[in-house]
Amino acid sequence: MSAAKDGPRKKTTAATRHAGLRKPPRRVWRFVRSVMTQTPFPLMLSVLIVLWLLFSAGVYFTERNTDGASITSYGDALYWGIAAFSTAGIAGEPLTGATKAVGGVWIVLGSIVFFGTIVATVTTYFNRPMKRPIKQMVDTIEYNLEQIEDLSPEELDVLRQITDSLIEHIERIREKTGTSDAPSATAGSRREISR
């Protein structure tokens, strides 16, 4: 691509890239915002963190007074919870049966929530286009209406027919649900649309 078309390119050196001085592209921020607002990721992550804190407390309280225990503080229990959950095998083994039971439940439940979070987030993210938010539909209609002057008379007639069927559909929905908070379209308003 030519520099005239794209504008001057900024030189980036390895030092600026590794120093974190480059801003991530807009699509990265859109992706992050989309994941955070349109998927269950934040909720599921919160549930996972709360479970980790609670089960770590359970491990600590059941193991704290045991002689020779490697878990002697809440911080040790938090570390053990992460190490045991990640199956790294680097944490000390609990000594009491109650601690092993609490830890076992944490490992199973935490794994279910963790992998459930991944599956739910990916599935929801890729199903987003099927849901088509209302604002996106309105924006599409507004964009197409801005292009109305470029339409031929035949295309305008097709648009009028589509608009009439859309208005009739909306009126049927309002009749079924019993809502009439907005004025219904009349023949007069349809004629104005078709002009």
Protein backbone atom coordinates (compact mmCIF):
# COMPACT_ATOMS: atom_id res chain seq x y z
CA MET A 1 0.00 0.00 0.00
CA SER A 2 1.20 3.45 -0.76
CA ALA A 3 2.10 5.95 1.91
CA ALA A 4 -0.06 8.58 0.22
CA LYS A 5 -3.16 6.43 0.56
CA ASP A 6 -2.61 5.30 4.13
CA GLY A 7 -0.83 8.38 5.37
CA PRO A 8 2.62 8.41 6.93
CA ARG A 9 3.42 5.40 9.01
CA LYS A 10 4.89 5.84 12.45
CA LYS A 11 8.10 4.00 13.02
CA THR A 12 8.01 1.62 15.91
CA THR A 13 11.10 0.07 17.29
CA ALA A 14 11.46 -3.12 19.23
CA ALA A 15 12.08 -1.01 22.33
CA THR A 16 8.74 0.83 22.04
CA ARG A 17 6.84 -2.38 21.28
CA HIS A 18 8.30 -4.19 24.27
CA ALA A 19 8.03 -1.21 26.57
CA GLY A 20 4.27 -1.28 26.10
CA LEU A 21 4.15 2.17 24.54
CA ARG A 22 1.99 1.15 21.57
CA LYS A 23 -1.72 1.36 22.06
CA PRO A 24 -3.66 -1.79 21.24
CA PRO A 25 -5.81 -1.56 18.11
CA ARG A 26 -9.42 -0.47 18.50
CA ARG A 27 -10.66 -3.94 17.63
CA VAL A 28 -8.91 -5.29 20.74
CA TRP A 29 -10.82 -2.81 22.92
CA ARG A 30 -14.08 -3.62 21.10
CA PHE A 31 -13.45 -7.32 21.68
CA VAL A 32 -12.71 -6.82 25.40
CA ARG A 33 -15.74 -4.54 25.84
CA SER A 34 -17.92 -7.04 23.99
CA VAL A 35 -16.73 -9.95 26.14
CA MET A 36 -17.21 -7.96 29.34
CA THR A 37 -20.70 -6.66 28.49
CA GLN A 38 -22.30 -9.35 26.34
CA THR A 39 -21.06 -12.60 27.84
CA PRO A 40 -21.31 -14.20 31.29
CA PHE A 41 -17.52 -13.88 31.78
CA PRO A 42 -17.53 -11.18 34.50
CA LEU A 43 -20.24 -12.95 36.51
CA MET A 44 -18.63 -16.37 36.20
CA LEU A 45 -15.20 -14.97 37.08
CA SER A 46 -16.72 -13.34 40.17
CA VAL A 47 -18.32 -16.63 41.20
CA LEU A 48 -14.99 -18.41 40.74
CA ILE A 49 -13.14 -15.86 42.87
CA VAL A 50 -15.76 -16.00 45.64
CA LEU A 51 -15.64 -19.81 45.67
CA TRP A 52 -11.83 -19.71 45.79
CA LEU A 53 -11.89 -17.33 48.77
CA LEU A 54 -14.54 -19.39 50.61
CA PHE A 55 -12.95 -22.78 50.01
CA SER A 56 -9.51 -21.40 50.93
CA ALA A 57 -11.02 -20.21 54.21
CA GLY A 58 -12.47 -23.69 54.73
CA VAL A 59 -9.10 -25.30 54.05
CA TYR A 60 -7.38 -22.89 56.42
CA PHE A 61 -9.86 -23.38 59.28
CA THR A 62 -9.79 -27.17 59.02
CA GLU A 63 -5.98 -27.37 58.78
CA ARG A 64 -4.68 -24.51 60.94
CA ASN A 65 -4.33 -26.32 64.29
CA THR A 66 -2.84 -29.51 62.86
CA ASP A 67 0.77 -30.32 63.85
CA GLY A 68 3.11 -30.46 60.84
CA ALA A 69 0.60 -28.84 58.50
CA SER A 70 1.96 -26.92 55.55
CA ILE A 71 -1.10 -24.64 55.49
CA THR A 72 -0.65 -22.37 58.51
CA SER A 73 -2.13 -19.09 57.27
CA TYR A 74 -4.97 -17.88 55.07
CA GLY A 75 -2.35 -16.83 52.50
CA ASP A 76 -1.04 -20.41 52.41
CA ALA A 77 -4.60 -21.65 51.91
CA LEU A 78 -5.15 -19.20 49.03
CA TYR A 79 -1.92 -20.37 47.42
CA TRP A 80 -2.89 -24.00 47.97
CA GLY A 81 -6.29 -23.33 46.37
CA ILE A 82 -4.66 -21.99 43.19
CA ALA A 83 -1.97 -24.68 43.08
CA ALA A 84 -4.43 -27.52 43.69
CA PHE A 85 -6.96 -26.11 41.24
CA SER A 86 -4.36 -25.70 38.51
CA THR A 87 -3.14 -29.27 39.14
CA ALA A 88 0.41 -27.95 39.39
CA GLY A 89 1.10 -30.25 42.33
CA ILE A 90 3.41 -27.73 43.96
CA ALA A 91 1.37 -27.10 47.10
CA GLY A 92 1.72 -29.06 50.30
CA GLU A 93 -0.77 -31.84 50.88
CA PRO A 94 -3.46 -31.31 53.52
CA LEU A 95 -3.18 -33.63 56.52
CA THR A 96 -6.70 -33.87 57.93
CA GLY A 97 -9.57 -35.69 56.29
CA ALA A 98 -11.84 -32.64 56.59
CA THR A 99 -9.32 -30.48 54.75
CA LYS A 100 -8.93 -33.09 52.01
CA ALA A 101 -12.73 -33.21 51.62
CA VAL A 102 -13.05 -29.41 51.44
CA GLY A 103 -10.10 -29.26 49.02
CA GLY A 104 -11.53 -32.04 46.86
CA VAL A 105 -14.88 -30.30 46.58
CA TRP A 106 -13.05 -27.06 45.68
CA ILE A 107 -11.03 -28.77 42.95
CA VAL A 108 -14.12 -30.37 41.36
CA LEU A 109 -16.44 -27.37 41.74
CA GLY A 110 -13.74 -24.87 40.74
CA SER A 111 -12.91 -26.88 37.63
CA ILE A 112 -16.57 -27.03 36.62
CA VAL A 113 -16.99 -23.27 37.07
CA PHE A 114 -13.68 -22.50 35.34
CA PHE A 115 -14.30 -24.60 32.25
CA GLY A 116 -17.98 -23.66 32.26
CA THR A 117 -16.91 -20.01 32.16
CA ILE A 118 -14.73 -20.63 29.13
CA VAL A 119 -17.42 -22.57 27.27
CA ALA A 120 -20.20 -20.11 28.15
CA THR A 121 -18.10 -17.09 27.18
CA VAL A 122 -17.00 -18.52 23.82
CA THR A 123 -20.50 -19.77 22.98
CA THR A 124 -22.17 -16.50 23.93
CA TYR A 125 -19.57 -14.43 22.10
CA PHE A 126 -20.03 -16.29 18.83
CA ASN A 127 -23.84 -16.34 19.13
CA ARG A 128 -24.02 -12.54 19.51
CA PRO A 129 -24.68 -11.82 15.82
CA MET A 130 -27.79 -14.01 15.98
CA LYS A 131 -29.32 -11.81 18.67
CA ARG A 132 -28.97 -8.54 16.70
CA PRO A 133 -29.46 -5.86 19.33
CA ILE A 134 -32.20 -3.33 18.64
CA LYS A 135 -29.75 -0.43 18.40
CA GLN A 136 -27.81 -2.21 15.68
CA MET A 137 -31.02 -2.83 13.72
CA VAL A 138 -32.08 0.82 14.07
CA ASP A 139 -28.63 2.00 12.97
CA THR A 140 -28.85 -0.23 9.88
CA ILE A 141 -32.30 1.13 9.00
CA GLU A 142 -31.11 4.73 9.49
CA TYR A 143 -28.11 4.13 7.26
CA ASN A 144 -30.29 2.64 4.54
CA LEU A 145 -32.75 5.55 4.77
CA GLU A 146 -29.86 7.95 4.19
CA GLN A 147 -29.31 6.20 0.86
CA ILE A 148 -32.98 6.55 -0.20
CA GLU A 149 -32.30 9.29 -2.76
CA ASP A 150 -30.20 6.85 -4.79
CA LEU A 151 -33.06 4.37 -5.18
CA SER A 152 -34.95 3.86 -8.44
CA PRO A 153 -38.79 4.12 -8.53
CA GLU A 154 -39.03 0.31 -8.59
CA GLU A 155 -36.78 0.02 -5.53
CA LEU A 156 -38.85 2.68 -3.74
CA ASP A 157 -41.99 0.67 -4.46
CA VAL A 158 -40.38 -2.44 -2.96
CA LEU A 159 -39.34 -0.36 0.06
CA ARG A 160 -42.93 0.90 0.45
CA GLN A 161 -44.25 -2.67 0.38
CA ILE A 162 -41.69 -3.80 2.96
CA THR A 163 -42.51 -0.81 5.17
CA ASP A 164 -46.26 -1.52 4.94
CA SER A 165 -45.74 -5.17 5.89
CA LEU A 166 -43.46 -4.13 8.78
CA ILE A 167 -46.08 -1.69 10.08
CA GLU A 168 -48.80 -4.37 9.82
CA HIS A 169 -46.57 -6.82 11.66
CA ILE A 170 -45.95 -4.31 14.46
CA GLU A 171 -49.71 -3.63 14.73
CA ARG A 172 -50.42 -7.38 15.00
CA ILE A 173 -47.83 -7.70 17.77
CA ARG A 174 -49.37 -4.75 19.62
CA GLU A 175 -52.85 -6.27 19.32
CA LYS A 176 -51.61 -9.60 20.70
CA THR A 177 -49.73 -8.04 23.61
CA GLY A 178 -52.26 -5.30 24.24
CA THR A 179 -49.67 -2.54 24.13
CA SER A 180 -50.44 0.72 22.44
CA ASP A 181 -47.96 3.12 24.02
CA ALA A 182 -46.99 4.52 20.60
CA PRO A 183 -49.46 5.72 18.01
CA SER A 184 -50.22 3.05 15.46
CA ALA A 185 -49.49 3.65 11.81
CA THR A 186 -52.46 4.80 9.78
CA ALA A 187 -53.06 4.79 6.07
CA GLY A 188 -52.13 8.47 6.02
CA SER A 189 -48.74 7.86 7.61
CA ARG A 190 -48.15 5.01 5.13
CA ARG A 191 -48.85 7.37 2.25
CA GLU A 192 -46.31 9.83 3.67
CA ILE A 193 -43.71 7.09 3.83
CA SER A 194 -44.32 6.09 0.22
CA ARG A 195 -43.74 9.61 -1.11
